[in-house]
Amino acid sequence: MMIEFKDVSGNRVRLAFKKNAFTVPPRHVLVICRYNHYWLLTKHKQRGLEFPGGKAEPGETIEEAAIREVFEETGAILKVLRYIGEYEVSDGKEAFVKAVFYGEAEAVKKKAGYLETEGPVLLGGNILAMRHGPDFSYIMKDQVIEKSILYIMNTFQGNFEK
């Protein structure tokens, strides 16, 4: 099943909960993270609160990129990393594909710096409702986040209400 919608910039977004859903392989990652029953986000210096993510480096697998991005942006060390799907964003001329993962951290280490972010943010409560607040990135407000969190809640066991 493919979910299609327009993002805040008017780009076409197609989301699928499977691997190899598109002709182009993903080179970007989004990791929806949990730590001790809390949502683990990062605070991007310009965009605000969001889940960790970024672009794979040359020679890096998409899974390696997910693990690295989570550590760089939050200091978290993942004990679980599950590939849940991928999505394509197209402006009509160019497109990119991003892999979506579910990650569970075993530890969050304090770091001297977090690159383009201000480090980890742990949130309890209903992330689907909170994500529309003014402190959250525009990335958190689209259907990729909503549909991915609902998929995670319906697929994996855990306390997602805390």
Protein backbone atom coordinates (compact mmCIF):
# COMPACT_ATOMS: atom_id res chain seq x y z
CA MET A 1 0.00 0.00 0.00
CA MET A 2 1.32 3.42 -0.97
CA ILE A 3 0.25 6.57 0.92
CA GLU A 4 0.49 9.78 -1.11
CA PHE A 5 0.18 13.40 0.01
CA LYS A 6 1.66 16.89 -0.45
CA ASP A 7 4.13 18.24 2.12
CA VAL A 8 4.16 21.82 3.46
CA SER A 9 6.22 22.92 0.43
CA GLY A 10 3.78 21.37 -2.04
CA ASN A 11 6.09 18.47 -2.94
CA ARG A 12 4.59 15.08 -3.71
CA VAL A 13 5.37 12.53 -0.99
CA ARG A 14 4.82 8.79 -1.38
CA LEU A 15 5.21 6.53 1.68
CA ALA A 16 5.39 2.73 1.73
CA PHE A 17 5.98 0.36 4.62
CA LYS A 18 8.35 -1.95 2.77
CA LYS A 19 11.90 -2.08 1.46
CA ASN A 20 12.72 -1.25 -2.17
CA ALA A 21 9.41 0.51 -2.74
CA PHE A 22 10.95 2.90 -5.27
CA THR A 23 13.27 2.56 -8.25
CA VAL A 24 15.88 4.74 -6.52
CA PRO A 25 17.43 3.37 -3.30
CA PRO A 26 17.23 5.54 -0.18
CA ARG A 27 20.27 7.68 0.65
CA HIS A 28 18.65 9.59 3.54
CA VAL A 29 17.38 8.30 6.88
CA LEU A 30 14.75 9.18 9.47
CA VAL A 31 14.93 7.32 12.78
CA ILE A 32 11.91 7.38 15.08
CA CYS A 33 13.55 6.71 18.43
CA ARG A 34 12.60 5.64 21.93
CA TYR A 35 14.65 5.58 25.12
CA ASN A 36 13.27 4.19 28.39
CA HIS A 37 9.66 4.57 27.16
CA TYR A 38 10.22 8.19 26.09
CA TRP A 39 10.41 9.59 22.58
CA LEU A 40 14.02 10.53 21.76
CA LEU A 41 14.26 13.59 19.57
CA THR A 42 16.91 16.17 18.83
CA LYS A 43 16.63 19.93 18.66
CA HIS A 44 17.77 21.13 15.26
CA LYS A 45 19.25 24.63 15.57
CA GLN A 46 17.01 26.08 12.84
CA ARG A 47 14.01 23.76 12.51
CA GLY A 48 13.27 22.81 16.11
CA LEU A 49 12.40 19.44 17.64
CA GLU A 50 12.52 16.44 15.33
CA PHE A 51 13.58 12.82 15.18
CA PRO A 52 17.22 12.24 14.19
CA GLY A 53 18.12 11.71 10.56
CA GLY A 54 20.30 12.76 7.69
CA LYS A 55 22.13 11.60 4.61
CA ALA A 56 24.24 8.48 4.17
CA GLU A 57 27.92 9.13 3.57
CA PRO A 58 29.75 7.57 0.59
CA GLY A 59 30.35 3.86 1.20
CA GLU A 60 27.97 3.75 4.15
CA THR A 61 24.93 1.46 4.26
CA ILE A 62 21.60 3.02 5.07
CA GLU A 63 21.59 1.15 8.42
CA GLU A 64 25.06 2.47 9.27
CA ALA A 65 23.86 5.97 8.42
CA ALA A 66 20.86 5.59 10.75
CA ILE A 67 23.06 4.44 13.67
CA ARG A 68 25.60 7.22 13.04
CA GLU A 69 23.01 9.99 12.68
CA VAL A 70 21.26 8.99 15.92
CA PHE A 71 24.58 9.04 17.80
CA GLU A 72 25.78 12.30 16.21
CA GLU A 73 22.55 14.18 16.91
CA THR A 74 21.58 12.71 20.30
CA GLY A 75 24.50 10.73 21.75
CA ALA A 76 22.26 7.65 21.78
CA ILE A 77 23.56 4.14 21.24
CA LEU A 78 20.90 1.98 19.61
CA LYS A 79 20.15 -1.55 20.80
CA VAL A 80 17.33 -2.02 18.26
CA LEU A 81 17.10 -0.74 14.69
CA ARG A 82 14.20 -1.86 12.51
CA TYR A 83 13.62 -0.84 8.91
CA ILE A 84 9.94 0.07 8.68
CA GLY A 85 9.64 1.69 5.27
CA GLU A 86 10.69 4.46 2.95
CA TYR A 87 9.32 7.55 1.32
CA GLU A 88 10.00 9.57 -1.79
CA VAL A 89 9.80 13.35 -1.96
CA SER A 90 9.51 14.89 -5.44
CA ASP A 91 9.20 18.51 -6.55
CA GLY A 92 8.44 17.42 -10.14
CA LYS A 93 12.06 17.82 -11.29
CA GLU A 94 14.11 16.02 -8.66
CA ALA A 95 13.32 13.35 -6.09
CA PHE A 96 15.01 11.71 -3.15
CA VAL A 97 14.15 8.63 -1.12
CA LYS A 98 14.47 8.41 2.65
CA ALA A 99 14.45 5.18 4.69
CA VAL A 100 12.38 5.20 7.88
CA PHE A 101 13.60 3.23 10.89
CA TYR A 102 12.35 2.52 14.37
CA GLY A 103 15.14 2.63 16.94
CA GLU A 104 15.40 1.87 20.63
CA ALA A 105 18.37 3.31 22.51
CA GLU A 106 20.17 1.45 25.27
CA ALA A 107 22.05 4.55 26.45
CA VAL A 108 22.35 8.26 25.78
CA LYS A 109 25.89 9.59 26.24
CA LYS A 110 26.67 13.25 26.92
CA LYS A 111 28.80 14.66 24.09
CA ALA A 112 30.80 17.84 23.65
CA GLY A 113 28.89 18.67 20.46
CA TYR A 114 25.96 17.44 18.39
CA LEU A 115 26.78 18.97 14.98
CA GLU A 116 23.77 20.90 13.63
CA THR A 117 21.62 20.05 16.66
CA GLU A 118 21.51 21.01 20.31
CA GLY A 119 21.44 17.39 21.44
CA PRO A 120 18.88 14.95 22.83
CA VAL A 121 15.36 15.78 23.98
CA LEU A 122 13.26 13.16 25.79
CA LEU A 123 9.49 13.58 25.62
CA GLY A 124 6.71 11.62 27.23
CA GLY A 125 3.08 11.76 26.27
CA ASN A 126 1.16 11.78 23.04
CA ILE A 127 3.74 12.69 20.41
CA LEU A 128 1.08 12.68 17.69
CA ALA A 129 -0.66 15.60 19.41
CA MET A 130 2.48 17.39 20.65
CA ARG A 131 4.22 17.44 17.24
CA HIS A 132 1.98 20.28 16.04
CA GLY A 133 3.34 22.67 18.68
CA PRO A 134 5.49 25.70 17.80
CA ASP A 135 8.74 24.12 19.10
CA PHE A 136 8.55 21.28 16.57
CA SER A 137 10.12 21.14 13.11
CA TYR A 138 7.89 21.24 10.05
CA ILE A 139 9.16 17.71 9.35
CA MET A 140 7.29 16.47 12.43
CA LYS A 141 3.98 17.84 11.17
CA ASP A 142 3.55 15.82 7.99
CA GLN A 143 1.92 12.47 7.39
CA VAL A 144 5.23 10.54 7.22
CA ILE A 145 5.65 11.03 10.97
CA GLU A 146 1.99 10.39 11.76
CA LYS A 147 1.68 7.23 9.65
CA SER A 148 5.10 5.91 10.77
CA ILE A 149 4.34 6.35 14.48
CA LEU A 150 0.96 4.66 14.05
CA TYR A 151 2.68 1.81 12.19
CA ILE A 152 5.25 1.45 15.00
CA MET A 153 2.58 1.49 17.71
CA ASN A 154 0.57 -1.17 15.89
CA THR A 155 3.57 -3.36 15.02
CA PHE A 156 5.90 -3.31 18.02
CA GLN A 157 5.11 -3.91 21.65
CA GLY A 158 5.90 -1.18 24.13
CA ASN A 159 4.54 1.57 26.28
CA PHE A 160 4.01 4.42 23.83
CA GLU A 161 1.84 6.61 26.05
CA LYS A 162 4.48 7.66 28.60
